[in-house]
C-alpha atoms as a PDB file:
ATOM      1  CA  MET A   1      97.336 253.065 136.595  1.00  0.00           C
ATOM      2  CA  GLY A   2      97.692 254.869 139.858  1.00  0.00           C
ATOM      3  CA  GLU A   3     100.441 256.821 141.437  1.00  0.00           C
ATOM      4  CA  SER A   4     103.611 255.038 142.316  1.00  0.00           C
ATOM      5  CA  PHE A   5     104.126 254.169 145.813  1.00  0.00           C
ATOM      6  CA  GLU A   6     107.449 253.619 147.249  1.00  0.00           C
ATOM      7  CA  PHE A   7     108.425 252.319 150.913  1.00  0.00           C
ATOM      8  CA  ALA A   8     111.325 250.928 152.936  1.00  0.00           C
ATOM      9  CA  LEU A   9     109.994 249.493 156.327  1.00  0.00           C
ATOM     10  CA  PRO A  10     111.247 247.111 158.814  1.00  0.00           C
ATOM     11  CA  ASP A  11     110.254 243.355 158.050  1.00  0.00           C
ATOM     12  CA  THR A  12     109.846 240.965 160.953  1.00  0.00           C
ATOM     13  CA  GLY A  13     109.396 237.919 158.609  1.00  0.00           C
ATOM     14  CA  ALA A  14     113.145 238.728 157.487  1.00  0.00           C
ATOM     15  CA  GLY A  15     114.635 239.117 160.960  1.00  0.00           C
ATOM     16  CA  GLY A  16     114.158 242.901 160.917  1.00  0.00           C
ATOM     17  CA  GLU A  17     115.822 243.432 157.600  1.00  0.00           C
ATOM     18  CA  THR A  18     114.409 246.324 155.397  1.00  0.00           C
ATOM     19  CA  ARG A  19     111.809 245.316 153.293  1.00  0.00           C
ATOM     20  CA  THR A  20     111.077 247.838 149.753  1.00  0.00           C
ATOM     21  CA  ALA A  21     108.640 248.256 147.399  1.00  0.00           C
ATOM     22  CA  THR A  22     110.737 247.752 144.945  1.00  0.00           C
ATOM     23  CA  GLU A  23     111.830 244.482 146.032  1.00  0.00           C
ATOM     24  CA  LEU A  24     107.982 243.629 146.040  1.00  0.00           C
ATOM     25  CA  ALA A  25     107.358 245.162 142.475  1.00  0.00           C
ATOM     26  CA  GLY A  26     110.417 243.210 140.749  1.00  0.00           C
ATOM     27  CA  SER A  27     108.851 239.716 142.033  1.00  0.00           C
ATOM     28  CA  HIS A  28     105.009 240.210 142.008  1.00  0.00           C
ATOM     29  CA  ASP A  29     102.507 241.330 139.700  1.00  0.00           C
ATOM     30  CA  TYR A  30     100.464 242.268 142.744  1.00  0.00           C
ATOM     31  CA  VAL A  31     100.933 243.380 146.296  1.00  0.00           C
ATOM     32  CA  VAL A  32      97.917 243.489 149.058  1.00  0.00           C
ATOM     33  CA  ALA A  33      98.718 245.708 151.664  1.00  0.00           C
ATOM     34  CA  VAL A  34      96.735 244.953 154.973  1.00  0.00           C
ATOM     35  CA  LEU A  35      96.831 247.844 157.089  1.00  0.00           C
ATOM     36  CA  LEU A  36      96.193 246.161 160.842  1.00  0.00           C
ATOM     37  CA  ARG A  37      94.502 247.796 163.445  1.00  0.00           C
ATOM     38  CA  ASP A  38      96.525 247.426 166.190  1.00  0.00           C
ATOM     39  CA  HIS A  39      98.505 244.579 168.085  1.00  0.00           C
ATOM     40  CA  TYR A  40      95.848 243.974 170.217  1.00  0.00           C
ATOM     41  CA  CYS A  41      92.884 243.614 167.625  1.00  0.00           C
ATOM     42  CA  PRO A  42      91.328 240.360 167.545  1.00  0.00           C
ATOM     43  CA  ARG A  43      89.983 241.052 163.904  1.00  0.00           C
ATOM     44  CA  SER A  44      93.397 242.123 162.445  1.00  0.00           C
ATOM     45  CA  ARG A  45      94.972 238.708 164.186  1.00  0.00           C
ATOM     46  CA  GLN A  46      92.055 236.780 162.476  1.00  0.00           C
ATOM     47  CA  LEU A  47      92.431 238.408 158.732  1.00  0.00           C
ATOM     48  CA  VAL A  48      96.242 237.765 158.890  1.00  0.00           C
ATOM     49  CA  GLN A  49      95.697 234.120 159.798  1.00  0.00           C
ATOM     50  CA  SER A  50      92.876 233.910 157.080  1.00  0.00           C
ATOM     51  CA  LEU A  51      95.413 235.166 154.332  1.00  0.00           C
ATOM     52  CA  ALA A  52      98.187 233.187 155.768  1.00  0.00           C
ATOM     53  CA  ALA A  53      95.833 230.107 155.069  1.00  0.00           C
ATOM     54  CA  ALA A  54      95.167 231.665 151.463  1.00  0.00           C
ATOM     55  CA  TYR A  55      98.714 231.815 150.848  1.00  0.00           C
ATOM     56  CA  GLU A  56      99.072 229.389 147.968  1.00  0.00           C
ATOM     57  CA  GLU A  57      96.225 230.734 146.212  1.00  0.00           C
ATOM     58  CA  LEU A  58      97.319 234.391 146.181  1.00  0.00           C
ATOM     59  CA  ALA A  59     101.110 233.348 145.335  1.00  0.00           C
ATOM     60  CA  GLY A  60      99.508 231.493 142.526  1.00  0.00           C
ATOM     61  CA  ARG A  61      97.810 235.027 141.319  1.00  0.00           C
ATOM     62  CA  SER A  62     101.676 236.458 141.528  1.00  0.00           C
ATOM     63  CA  THR A  63     100.511 238.446 144.671  1.00  0.00           C
ATOM     64  CA  ALA A  64     102.512 239.244 147.850  1.00  0.00           C
ATOM     65  CA  VAL A  65     100.556 239.813 151.207  1.00  0.00           C
ATOM     66  CA  VAL A  66     102.121 242.397 153.054  1.00  0.00           C
ATOM     67  CA  PRO A  67     100.706 243.104 156.292  1.00  0.00           C
ATOM     68  CA  VAL A  68     101.521 246.303 158.394  1.00  0.00           C
ATOM     69  CA  LEU A  69     101.245 246.858 161.827  1.00  0.00           C
ATOM     70  CA  PRO A  70     101.331 250.329 163.121  1.00  0.00           C
ATOM     71  CA  ASP A  71     103.716 249.323 166.323  1.00  0.00           C
ATOM     72  CA  CYS A  72     106.863 248.199 166.860  1.00  0.00           C
ATOM     73  CA  PRO A  73     108.914 245.403 165.289  1.00  0.00           C
ATOM     74  CA  GLU A  74     109.180 243.498 168.978  1.00  0.00           C
ATOM     75  CA  ARG A  75     105.172 243.339 168.812  1.00  0.00           C
ATOM     76  CA  ALA A  76     105.113 242.349 165.329  1.00  0.00           C
ATOM     77  CA  SER A  77     107.945 239.333 165.985  1.00  0.00           C
ATOM     78  CA  LEU A  78     105.092 237.923 168.584  1.00  0.00           C
ATOM     79  CA  TRP A  79     102.756 237.658 165.574  1.00  0.00           C
ATOM     80  CA  GLN A  80     105.385 236.323 163.455  1.00  0.00           C
ATOM     81  CA  ARG A  81     106.432 233.776 165.804  1.00  0.00           C
ATOM     82  CA  ARG A  82     102.664 232.775 167.215  1.00  0.00           C
ATOM     83  CA  TYR A  83     100.767 232.548 163.877  1.00  0.00           C
ATOM     84  CA  ASP A  84     104.112 231.078 161.834  1.00  0.00           C
ATOM     85  CA  LEU A  85     103.175 233.531 158.772  1.00  0.00           C
ATOM     86  CA  PRO A  86     104.474 232.540 155.377  1.00  0.00           C
ATOM     87  CA  PHE A  87     104.810 236.141 154.611  1.00  0.00           C
ATOM     88  CA  GLY A  88     106.723 239.076 156.597  1.00  0.00           C
ATOM     89  CA  LEU A  89     105.102 241.623 158.672  1.00  0.00           C
ATOM     90  CA  LEU A  90     106.213 245.244 158.217  1.00  0.00           C
ATOM     91  CA  THR A  91     105.839 247.734 161.055  1.00  0.00           C
ATOM     92  CA  ASP A  92     104.966 251.483 160.173  1.00  0.00           C
ATOM     93  CA  PRO A  93     104.173 253.169 163.372  1.00  0.00           C
ATOM     94  CA  LYS A  94     103.517 256.970 163.493  1.00  0.00           C
ATOM     95  CA  SER A  95     105.349 258.875 165.805  1.00  0.00           C
ATOM     96  CA  VAL A  96     102.347 260.678 167.173  1.00  0.00           C
ATOM     97  CA  ALA A  97      99.386 259.477 166.309  1.00  0.00           C
ATOM     98  CA  ASP A  98      96.979 262.375 167.436  1.00  0.00           C
ATOM     99  CA  ASP A  99      95.102 262.906 164.173  1.00  0.00           C
ATOM    100  CA  GLY A 100      93.385 259.443 164.256  1.00  0.00           C
ATOM    101  CA  ASN A 101      95.858 258.005 161.683  1.00  0.00           C
ATOM    102  CA  ALA A 102      98.144 255.318 163.100  1.00  0.00           C
ATOM    103  CA  PHE A 103     100.568 255.042 160.170  1.00  0.00           C
ATOM    104  CA  ASP A 104     103.606 256.988 158.576  1.00  0.00           C
ATOM    105  CA  THR A 105     104.501 255.567 155.158  1.00  0.00           C
ATOM    106  CA  PHE A 106     100.868 254.036 154.749  1.00  0.00           C
ATOM    107  CA  GLU A 107      98.920 257.078 156.258  1.00  0.00           C
ATOM    108  CA  PRO A 108      97.514 258.411 152.513  1.00  0.00           C
ATOM    109  CA  PHE A 109      96.218 254.892 151.938  1.00  0.00           C
ATOM    110  CA  GLN A 110      94.772 254.561 155.702  1.00  0.00           C
ATOM    111  CA  ARG A 111      92.584 257.704 154.868  1.00  0.00           C
ATOM    112  CA  LEU A 112      90.978 255.754 152.117  1.00  0.00           C
ATOM    113  CA  LEU A 113      89.769 252.822 154.087  1.00  0.00           C
ATOM    114  CA  PRO A 114      86.673 253.425 156.572  1.00  0.00           C
ATOM    115  CA  GLU A 115      88.397 251.559 159.006  1.00  0.00           C
ATOM    116  CA  CYS A 116      91.182 249.139 160.025  1.00  0.00           C
ATOM    117  CA  PRO A 117      92.162 246.509 159.403  1.00  0.00           C
ATOM    118  CA  GLY A 118      91.662 247.521 155.501  1.00  0.00           C
ATOM    119  CA  THR A 119      93.213 246.126 152.319  1.00  0.00           C
ATOM    120  CA  VAL A 120      94.750 248.252 149.522  1.00  0.00           C
ATOM    121  CA  LEU A 121      95.820 246.507 146.225  1.00  0.00           C
ATOM    122  CA  PHE A 122      98.858 247.563 144.493  1.00  0.00           C
ATOM    123  CA  GLU A 123     100.158 246.465 140.961  1.00  0.00           C
ATOM    124  CA  SER A 124     103.492 246.055 139.882  1.00  0.00           C
ATOM    125  CA  ASP A 125     104.778 248.271 137.034  1.00  0.00           C
ATOM    126  CA  GLY A 126     108.293 247.280 136.436  1.00  0.00           C
ATOM    127  CA  ASP A 127     110.067 248.096 139.817  1.00  0.00           C
ATOM    128  CA  GLN A 128     107.388 250.304 141.157  1.00  0.00           C
ATOM    129  CA  LEU A 129     104.303 249.458 142.886  1.00  0.00           C
ATOM    130  CA  ARG A 130     101.011 251.632 141.757  1.00  0.00           C
ATOM    131  CA  PHE A 131      97.930 252.209 143.586  1.00  0.00           C
ATOM    132  CA  ALA A 132      95.283 249.976 142.298  1.00  0.00           C
ATOM    133  CA  ARG A 133      92.367 250.112 144.710  1.00  0.00           C
ATOM    134  CA  THR A 134      90.817 249.400 148.175  1.00  0.00           C
ATOM    135  CA  VAL A 135      89.404 246.641 149.037  1.00  0.00           C
ATOM    136  CA  GLN A 136      86.363 246.985 151.137  1.00  0.00           C
ATOM    137  CA  THR A 137      85.438 243.562 152.869  1.00  0.00           C
ATOM    138  CA  ASP A 138      82.210 242.036 155.130  1.00  0.00           C
ATOM    139  CA  ARG A 139      83.156 242.772 158.661  1.00  0.00           C
ATOM    140  CA  ALA A 140      81.526 239.586 159.786  1.00  0.00           C
ATOM    141  CA  SER A 141      83.613 236.930 158.001  1.00  0.00           C
ATOM    142  CA  ASP A 142      87.315 236.746 157.210  1.00  0.00           C
ATOM    143  CA  ALA A 143      86.631 233.940 154.759  1.00  0.00           C
ATOM    144  CA  SER A 144      84.674 237.015 152.372  1.00  0.00           C
ATOM    145  CA  ALA A 145      87.617 239.139 153.224  1.00  0.00           C
ATOM    146  CA  VAL A 146      90.005 236.745 151.424  1.00  0.00           C
ATOM    147  CA  ASP A 147      87.361 236.169 148.762  1.00  0.00           C
ATOM    148  CA  ALA A 148      86.990 240.029 148.257  1.00  0.00           C
ATOM    149  CA  VAL A 149      90.803 240.548 148.287  1.00  0.00           C
ATOM    150  CA  LEU A 150      90.949 237.297 145.219  1.00  0.00           C
ATOM    151  CA  ALA A 151      87.895 239.031 143.326  1.00  0.00           C
ATOM    152  CA  ALA A 152      89.817 242.410 143.409  1.00  0.00           C
ATOM    153  CA  ILE A 153      93.153 241.156 142.072  1.00  0.00           C
ATOM    154  CA  ASP A 154      90.920 238.750 139.396  1.00  0.00           C
ATOM    155  CA  ASP A 155      88.896 242.078 138.456  1.00  0.00           C
ATOM    156  CA  HIS A 156      91.896 244.238 138.402  1.00  0.00           C
ATOM    157  CA  ALA A 157      93.876 241.809 136.317  1.00  0.00           C
ATOM    158  CA  THR A 158      90.618 241.973 133.704  1.00  0.00           C
ATOM    159  CA  ASP A 159      90.415 245.947 133.804  1.00  0.00           C
ATOM    160  CA  SER A 160      93.987 246.232 133.209  1.00  0.00           C
ATOM    161  CA  VAL A 161      93.614 244.727 129.925  1.00  0.00           C
ATOM    162  CA  VAL A 162      90.634 246.751 128.962  1.00  0.00           C
ATOM    163  CA  GLY A 163      92.084 249.938 130.601  1.00  0.00           C
ATOM    164  CA  PRO A 164      93.382 251.640 133.636  1.00  0.00           C
ATOM    165  CA  VAL A 165      91.541 251.152 137.036  1.00  0.00           C
ATOM    166  CA  GLY A 166      92.004 253.341 140.101  1.00  0.00           C
ATOM    167  CA  THR A 167      93.459 256.576 140.982  1.00  0.00           C
ATOM    168  CA  GLY A 168      96.091 258.322 143.051  1.00  0.00           C
ATOM    169  CA  PRO A 169      95.538 258.102 146.957  1.00  0.00           C
ATOM    170  CA  ASP A 170      94.820 261.634 147.326  1.00  0.00           C
ATOM    171  CA  ALA A 171      91.837 261.219 144.642  1.00  0.00           C
ATOM    172  CA  GLU A 172      88.006 261.166 145.443  1.00  0.00           C
ATOM    173  CA  ALA A 173      87.127 258.091 143.493  1.00  0.00           C
ATOM    174  CA  ALA A 174      89.841 255.831 145.160  1.00  0.00           C
ATOM    175  CA  GLY A 175      87.721 253.082 146.088  1.00  0.00           C
ATOM    176  CA  ASP A 176      85.323 251.363 143.781  1.00  0.00           C
ATOM    177  CA  GLY A 177      82.624 249.720 146.203  1.00  0.00           C
ATOM    178  CA  PHE A 178      84.839 246.632 147.341  1.00  0.00           C
END
């Protein structure tokens, strides 16, 4: 299993209360962090809606969906209300986004993705989240993005029985071709 990862970020789905990695790890086997491009990105909005439509299937795999918007909680609240999401929406803006990375806490994982929106899969290990892999998706279809996330969870669950998959966020081989 990869390196452990901790965060405590505002969750607009919980009225702005702080959501932590420890809390999610304690109640799910997997966490899918969806690193969104920005508030105005139509692909980010479509992807979040597609994941919301697949919520029951993801929950059936003991997987929490955690979209992360690099913006203020007020803008994230608009998404929460407009799309009636069955999961929270975290905010993680970088105070100065001058290096091409929009996230603060999730920055090491943004660096692993070719672009945002992008998806990172974490596995729960007791009360900790551990990096498992990035999930690459077909830009042309949000349905294929959901399929890729589900396949990554299923593949990782199978691989975990055999041996560890993935490495820490600073390793070269973080992605596995998804």
